[in-house]
């Protein structure tokens, strides 16, 4: 079994994963749509890898204040269908090193591979302009939490304690334009700002 595993390419594993995911979706998610869209929960996690030379080279372990860390970690992003719990094939990359990735970058990769218009739900780590704009370009909708300062930027005024549901236009900031020259300087995302105080 170990020798057979060693002869299997990562491309074959990915293809098999896609087949299994598509089969489960067709079999168990017949009515799993919200207003005509699949709904995915998006979140990332870190996976600790066993120590090994090849692993350390592909996924650097990094250092703390004392020494090089023994084990490497990868950053893995998952999307789970809300109605069935079926997970789309995850995307992953190095957590540390010169080729380190982020949850946002992995989410962009996965959004580009979704075969139909979807609604993506995520915590405030995903509530950034770049992801909302990328989702719009791919034909998806998003429901993301926002940090306080980001929410104030989206609304164009300080936040209060009242419940809010209003139309907004989220525009890219000057700082964001400098960091992301590929996004047009006048890029904007139309949507709704919803604020609810939960007791």
C-alpha atoms as a PDB file:
ATOM      1  CA  UNK A   1       0.000   0.000   0.000  1.00  0.00           C
ATOM      2  CA  UNK A   2       2.830   2.397   0.855  1.00  0.00           C
ATOM      3  CA  UNK A   3       4.598   1.716  -2.465  1.00  0.00           C
ATOM      4  CA  UNK A   4       1.352   2.226  -4.379  1.00  0.00           C
ATOM      5  CA  UNK A   5       0.817   5.520  -2.557  1.00  0.00           C
ATOM      6  CA  UNK A   6       4.328   6.597  -3.552  1.00  0.00           C
ATOM      7  CA  UNK A   7       3.545   5.967  -7.234  1.00  0.00           C
ATOM      8  CA  UNK A   8       0.345   8.033  -7.123  1.00  0.00           C
ATOM      9  CA  UNK A   9       0.723  11.602  -8.352  1.00  0.00           C
ATOM     10  CA  UNK A  10      -0.829  14.567  -6.582  1.00  0.00           C
ATOM     11  CA  UNK A  11      -2.786  15.320  -9.768  1.00  0.00           C
ATOM     12  CA  UNK A  12      -4.437  11.895  -9.589  1.00  0.00           C
ATOM     13  CA  UNK A  13      -5.332  12.454  -5.924  1.00  0.00           C
ATOM     14  CA  UNK A  14      -6.871  15.846  -6.768  1.00  0.00           C
ATOM     15  CA  UNK A  15      -8.852  14.362  -9.674  1.00  0.00           C
ATOM     16  CA  UNK A  16     -10.212  11.592  -7.432  1.00  0.00           C
ATOM     17  CA  UNK A  17     -11.124  14.151  -4.768  1.00  0.00           C
ATOM     18  CA  UNK A  18     -13.040  16.195  -7.352  1.00  0.00           C
ATOM     19  CA  UNK A  19     -14.915  13.079  -8.538  1.00  0.00           C
ATOM     20  CA  UNK A  20     -15.939  12.145  -4.991  1.00  0.00           C
ATOM     21  CA  UNK A  21     -17.039  15.716  -4.190  1.00  0.00           C
ATOM     22  CA  UNK A  22     -19.098  16.037  -7.377  1.00  0.00           C
ATOM     23  CA  UNK A  23     -20.731  12.636  -6.772  1.00  0.00           C
ATOM     24  CA  UNK A  24     -21.694  13.542  -3.201  1.00  0.00           C
ATOM     25  CA  UNK A  25     -23.032  16.924  -4.285  1.00  0.00           C
ATOM     26  CA  UNK A  26     -25.252  15.405  -6.985  1.00  0.00           C
ATOM     27  CA  UNK A  27     -26.488  12.624  -4.707  1.00  0.00           C
ATOM     28  CA  UNK A  28     -27.128  14.497  -1.459  1.00  0.00           C
ATOM     29  CA  UNK A  29     -27.570  18.187  -2.309  1.00  0.00           C
ATOM     30  CA  UNK A  30     -30.579  18.126  -4.619  1.00  0.00           C
ATOM     31  CA  UNK A  31     -32.500  20.920  -2.879  1.00  0.00           C
ATOM     32  CA  UNK A  32     -29.565  22.687  -1.315  1.00  0.00           C
ATOM     33  CA  UNK A  33     -29.966  26.117  -2.852  1.00  0.00           C
ATOM     34  CA  UNK A  34     -30.764  29.520  -1.372  1.00  0.00           C
ATOM     35  CA  UNK A  35     -32.371  31.850  -3.934  1.00  0.00           C
ATOM     36  CA  UNK A  36     -30.842  29.739  -6.711  1.00  0.00           C
ATOM     37  CA  UNK A  37     -27.328  29.704  -5.266  1.00  0.00           C
ATOM     38  CA  UNK A  38     -25.235  27.125  -3.496  1.00  0.00           C
ATOM     39  CA  UNK A  39     -24.132  28.393  -0.090  1.00  0.00           C
ATOM     40  CA  UNK A  40     -20.635  27.668   1.200  1.00  0.00           C
ATOM     41  CA  UNK A  41     -19.090  28.322   4.603  1.00  0.00           C
ATOM     42  CA  UNK A  42     -15.456  29.360   4.111  1.00  0.00           C
ATOM     43  CA  UNK A  43     -12.739  28.923   6.725  1.00  0.00           C
ATOM     44  CA  UNK A  44      -9.085  28.057   7.048  1.00  0.00           C
ATOM     45  CA  UNK A  45      -7.034  25.910   9.387  1.00  0.00           C
ATOM     46  CA  UNK A  46      -3.413  25.010  10.034  1.00  0.00           C
ATOM     47  CA  UNK A  47      -2.193  21.435   9.702  1.00  0.00           C
ATOM     48  CA  UNK A  48       1.057  20.351  11.365  1.00  0.00           C
ATOM     49  CA  UNK A  49       3.196  18.097   9.168  1.00  0.00           C
ATOM     50  CA  UNK A  50       5.673  15.378  10.185  1.00  0.00           C
ATOM     51  CA  UNK A  51       9.326  16.376  10.181  1.00  0.00           C
ATOM     52  CA  UNK A  52      11.259  15.482   7.031  1.00  0.00           C
ATOM     53  CA  UNK A  53      13.771  17.018   4.650  1.00  0.00           C
ATOM     54  CA  UNK A  54      11.471  17.142   1.615  1.00  0.00           C
ATOM     55  CA  UNK A  55       8.614  18.538   3.701  1.00  0.00           C
ATOM     56  CA  UNK A  56      10.853  21.196   5.285  1.00  0.00           C
ATOM     57  CA  UNK A  57      11.993  22.289   1.831  1.00  0.00           C
ATOM     58  CA  UNK A  58       8.475  22.594   0.390  1.00  0.00           C
ATOM     59  CA  UNK A  59       6.920  23.986   3.574  1.00  0.00           C
ATOM     60  CA  UNK A  60       9.505  25.884   5.689  1.00  0.00           C
ATOM     61  CA  UNK A  61       9.047  25.494   9.425  1.00  0.00           C
ATOM     62  CA  UNK A  62      10.024  29.035  10.377  1.00  0.00           C
ATOM     63  CA  UNK A  63      11.624  30.187  13.632  1.00  0.00           C
ATOM     64  CA  UNK A  64      10.647  31.408  17.042  1.00  0.00           C
ATOM     65  CA  UNK A  65      12.798  33.661  19.261  1.00  0.00           C
ATOM     66  CA  UNK A  66      15.034  30.722  20.211  1.00  0.00           C
ATOM     67  CA  UNK A  67      15.550  28.423  17.237  1.00  0.00           C
ATOM     68  CA  UNK A  68      14.114  26.892  14.064  1.00  0.00           C
ATOM     69  CA  UNK A  69      10.836  25.124  14.659  1.00  0.00           C
ATOM     70  CA  UNK A  70      10.828  21.335  14.323  1.00  0.00           C
ATOM     71  CA  UNK A  71       7.554  20.839  12.439  1.00  0.00           C
ATOM     72  CA  UNK A  72       6.192  22.612   9.391  1.00  0.00           C
ATOM     73  CA  UNK A  73       2.611  23.734   8.974  1.00  0.00           C
ATOM     74  CA  UNK A  74       0.430  24.219   5.937  1.00  0.00           C
ATOM     75  CA  UNK A  75      -2.465  26.609   5.637  1.00  0.00           C
ATOM     76  CA  UNK A  76      -5.564  24.826   4.353  1.00  0.00           C
ATOM     77  CA  UNK A  77      -8.778  26.482   3.183  1.00  0.00           C
ATOM     78  CA  UNK A  78     -12.061  24.582   3.121  1.00  0.00           C
ATOM     79  CA  UNK A  79     -15.502  25.347   1.723  1.00  0.00           C
ATOM     80  CA  UNK A  80     -18.426  23.369   3.135  1.00  0.00           C
ATOM     81  CA  UNK A  81     -21.867  23.268   1.557  1.00  0.00           C
ATOM     82  CA  UNK A  82     -24.269  24.634   4.195  1.00  0.00           C
ATOM     83  CA  UNK A  83     -27.136  22.266   3.418  1.00  0.00           C
ATOM     84  CA  UNK A  84     -25.228  18.978   3.298  1.00  0.00           C
ATOM     85  CA  UNK A  85     -21.866  19.538   5.004  1.00  0.00           C
ATOM     86  CA  UNK A  86     -20.099  18.188   1.890  1.00  0.00           C
ATOM     87  CA  UNK A  87     -16.689  19.829   1.511  1.00  0.00           C
ATOM     88  CA  UNK A  88     -15.291  21.050  -1.785  1.00  0.00           C
ATOM     89  CA  UNK A  89     -11.716  19.945  -2.485  1.00  0.00           C
ATOM     90  CA  UNK A  90      -9.540  22.072  -0.169  1.00  0.00           C
ATOM     91  CA  UNK A  91      -6.726  24.341  -1.302  1.00  0.00           C
ATOM     92  CA  UNK A  92      -3.513  24.646   0.672  1.00  0.00           C
ATOM     93  CA  UNK A  93      -0.085  26.236   0.659  1.00  0.00           C
ATOM     94  CA  UNK A  94       2.918  27.070   2.859  1.00  0.00           C
ATOM     95  CA  UNK A  95       2.130  28.912   6.079  1.00  0.00           C
ATOM     96  CA  UNK A  96       5.668  30.318   6.408  1.00  0.00           C
ATOM     97  CA  UNK A  97       8.611  31.129   4.155  1.00  0.00           C
ATOM     98  CA  UNK A  98       9.064  33.211   1.013  1.00  0.00           C
ATOM     99  CA  UNK A  99       6.123  31.465  -0.716  1.00  0.00           C
ATOM    100  CA  UNK A 100       3.715  31.733   2.231  1.00  0.00           C
ATOM    101  CA  UNK A 101       0.080  32.095   1.265  1.00  0.00           C
ATOM    102  CA  UNK A 102      -2.979  33.483   3.059  1.00  0.00           C
ATOM    103  CA  UNK A 103      -6.601  32.487   3.566  1.00  0.00           C
ATOM    104  CA  UNK A 104      -7.627  35.300   1.221  1.00  0.00           C
ATOM    105  CA  UNK A 105      -5.346  34.100  -1.598  1.00  0.00           C
ATOM    106  CA  UNK A 106      -6.538  30.501  -1.223  1.00  0.00           C
ATOM    107  CA  UNK A 107     -10.142  31.714  -1.234  1.00  0.00           C
ATOM    108  CA  UNK A 108      -9.542  33.555  -4.529  1.00  0.00           C
ATOM    109  CA  UNK A 109      -8.185  30.321  -6.044  1.00  0.00           C
ATOM    110  CA  UNK A 110     -11.222  28.352  -4.933  1.00  0.00           C
ATOM    111  CA  UNK A 111     -13.722  30.999  -6.065  1.00  0.00           C
ATOM    112  CA  UNK A 112     -12.306  30.849  -9.579  1.00  0.00           C
ATOM    113  CA  UNK A 113     -12.968  27.098  -9.737  1.00  0.00           C
ATOM    114  CA  UNK A 114     -16.588  27.093  -8.569  1.00  0.00           C
ATOM    115  CA  UNK A 115     -18.705  26.059 -11.538  1.00  0.00           C
ATOM    116  CA  UNK A 116     -21.858  28.002 -10.663  1.00  0.00           C
ATOM    117  CA  UNK A 117     -22.846  31.243  -8.979  1.00  0.00           C
ATOM    118  CA  UNK A 118     -22.571  30.800  -5.193  1.00  0.00           C
ATOM    119  CA  UNK A 119     -22.995  32.628  -1.902  1.00  0.00           C
ATOM    120  CA  UNK A 120     -19.877  32.499   0.284  1.00  0.00           C
ATOM    121  CA  UNK A 121     -20.080  33.099   4.034  1.00  0.00           C
ATOM    122  CA  UNK A 122     -17.010  33.869   6.122  1.00  0.00           C
ATOM    123  CA  UNK A 123     -15.709  35.541   9.267  1.00  0.00           C
ATOM    124  CA  UNK A 124     -14.051  38.951   9.352  1.00  0.00           C
ATOM    125  CA  UNK A 125     -10.718  37.613   8.143  1.00  0.00           C
ATOM    126  CA  UNK A 126     -12.458  37.288   4.752  1.00  0.00           C
ATOM    127  CA  UNK A 127     -14.277  40.612   5.016  1.00  0.00           C
ATOM    128  CA  UNK A 128     -11.804  42.564   2.885  1.00  0.00           C
ATOM    129  CA  UNK A 129     -12.385  44.585  -0.266  1.00  0.00           C
ATOM    130  CA  UNK A 130     -10.185  42.419  -2.494  1.00  0.00           C
ATOM    131  CA  UNK A 131     -12.213  39.260  -1.821  1.00  0.00           C
ATOM    132  CA  UNK A 132     -15.559  41.004  -2.240  1.00  0.00           C
ATOM    133  CA  UNK A 133     -14.367  42.490  -5.531  1.00  0.00           C
ATOM    134  CA  UNK A 134     -12.928  39.159  -6.761  1.00  0.00           C
ATOM    135  CA  UNK A 135     -16.177  37.369  -5.876  1.00  0.00           C
ATOM    136  CA  UNK A 136     -18.133  39.966  -7.847  1.00  0.00           C
ATOM    137  CA  UNK A 137     -15.875  39.442 -10.868  1.00  0.00           C
ATOM    138  CA  UNK A 138     -16.475  35.663 -10.649  1.00  0.00           C
ATOM    139  CA  UNK A 139     -20.268  36.086 -10.405  1.00  0.00           C
ATOM    140  CA  UNK A 140     -20.530  35.140  -6.716  1.00  0.00           C
ATOM    141  CA  UNK A 141     -22.108  36.866  -3.738  1.00  0.00           C
ATOM    142  CA  UNK A 142     -20.595  37.105  -0.259  1.00  0.00           C
ATOM    143  CA  UNK A 143     -21.807  37.522   3.305  1.00  0.00           C
ATOM    144  CA  UNK A 144     -18.746  38.466   5.362  1.00  0.00           C
ATOM    145  CA  UNK A 145     -18.337  39.899   8.832  1.00  0.00           C
ATOM    146  CA  UNK A 146     -16.354  43.153   9.001  1.00  0.00           C
ATOM    147  CA  UNK A 147     -14.015  44.634  11.576  1.00  0.00           C
ATOM    148  CA  UNK A 148     -15.219  47.852  13.208  1.00  0.00           C
ATOM    149  CA  UNK A 149     -12.849  50.182  11.286  1.00  0.00           C
ATOM    150  CA  UNK A 150     -13.621  48.457   7.988  1.00  0.00           C
ATOM    151  CA  UNK A 151     -17.363  48.655   8.608  1.00  0.00           C
ATOM    152  CA  UNK A 152     -17.022  52.394   9.300  1.00  0.00           C
ATOM    153  CA  UNK A 153     -15.106  52.800   6.018  1.00  0.00           C
ATOM    154  CA  UNK A 154     -17.810  50.933   4.096  1.00  0.00           C
ATOM    155  CA  UNK A 155     -20.573  53.104   5.615  1.00  0.00           C
ATOM    156  CA  UNK A 156     -18.566  56.300   5.308  1.00  0.00           C
ATOM    157  CA  UNK A 157     -19.288  57.319   8.903  1.00  0.00           C
ATOM    158  CA  UNK A 158     -18.722  56.129  12.492  1.00  0.00           C
ATOM    159  CA  UNK A 159     -20.701  53.150  13.722  1.00  0.00           C
ATOM    160  CA  UNK A 160     -23.555  53.500  16.185  1.00  0.00           C
ATOM    161  CA  UNK A 161     -25.419  50.932  18.282  1.00  0.00           C
ATOM    162  CA  UNK A 162     -28.584  50.928  16.197  1.00  0.00           C
ATOM    163  CA  UNK A 163     -29.681  48.099  13.899  1.00  0.00           C
ATOM    164  CA  UNK A 164     -28.893  48.924  10.275  1.00  0.00           C
ATOM    165  CA  UNK A 165     -29.772  47.492   6.864  1.00  0.00           C
ATOM    166  CA  UNK A 166     -28.787  49.856   4.072  1.00  0.00           C
ATOM    167  CA  UNK A 167     -27.421  49.867   0.539  1.00  0.00           C
ATOM    168  CA  UNK A 168     -23.738  50.786   0.297  1.00  0.00           C
ATOM    169  CA  UNK A 169     -20.972  51.071  -2.286  1.00  0.00           C
ATOM    170  CA  UNK A 170     -17.644  49.734  -0.992  1.00  0.00           C
ATOM    171  CA  UNK A 171     -14.749  51.521  -2.686  1.00  0.00           C
ATOM    172  CA  UNK A 172     -11.108  50.508  -2.628  1.00  0.00           C
ATOM    173  CA  UNK A 173      -8.975  52.683  -0.315  1.00  0.00           C
ATOM    174  CA  UNK A 174      -5.761  54.475  -1.390  1.00  0.00           C
ATOM    175  CA  UNK A 175      -3.754  52.133   0.818  1.00  0.00           C
ATOM    176  CA  UNK A 176      -5.376  49.099  -0.778  1.00  0.00           C
ATOM    177  CA  UNK A 177      -4.714  50.491  -4.276  1.00  0.00           C
ATOM    178  CA  UNK A 178      -0.985  50.759  -3.491  1.00  0.00           C
ATOM    179  CA  UNK A 179      -0.816  47.170  -2.241  1.00  0.00           C
ATOM    180  CA  UNK A 180      -2.921  45.747  -5.091  1.00  0.00           C
ATOM    181  CA  UNK A 181      -2.088  47.494  -8.389  1.00  0.00           C
ATOM    182  CA  UNK A 182      -3.968  44.802 -10.359  1.00  0.00           C
ATOM    183  CA  UNK A 183      -7.288  46.108  -9.002  1.00  0.00           C
ATOM    184  CA  UNK A 184      -8.543  49.269 -10.779  1.00  0.00           C
ATOM    185  CA  UNK A 185      -8.179  52.397  -8.648  1.00  0.00           C
ATOM    186  CA  UNK A 186     -11.880  53.191  -9.091  1.00  0.00           C
ATOM    187  CA  UNK A 187     -13.030  49.636  -8.273  1.00  0.00           C
ATOM    188  CA  UNK A 188     -16.247  49.423  -6.258  1.00  0.00           C
ATOM    189  CA  UNK A 189     -18.576  46.742  -4.896  1.00  0.00           C
ATOM    190  CA  UNK A 190     -22.306  47.391  -4.479  1.00  0.00           C
ATOM    191  CA  UNK A 191     -24.030  45.619  -1.625  1.00  0.00           C
ATOM    192  CA  UNK A 192     -25.799  45.898   1.703  1.00  0.00           C
ATOM    193  CA  UNK A 193     -24.428  46.772   5.100  1.00  0.00           C
ATOM    194  CA  UNK A 194     -26.283  44.891   7.847  1.00  0.00           C
ATOM    195  CA  UNK A 195     -25.707  45.557  11.541  1.00  0.00           C
ATOM    196  CA  UNK A 196     -27.496  43.689  14.289  1.00  0.00           C
ATOM    197  CA  UNK A 197     -26.883  43.786  18.023  1.00  0.00           C
ATOM    198  CA  UNK A 198     -27.290  40.259  19.384  1.00  0.00           C
ATOM    199  CA  UNK A 199     -28.237  39.908  23.056  1.00  0.00           C
END
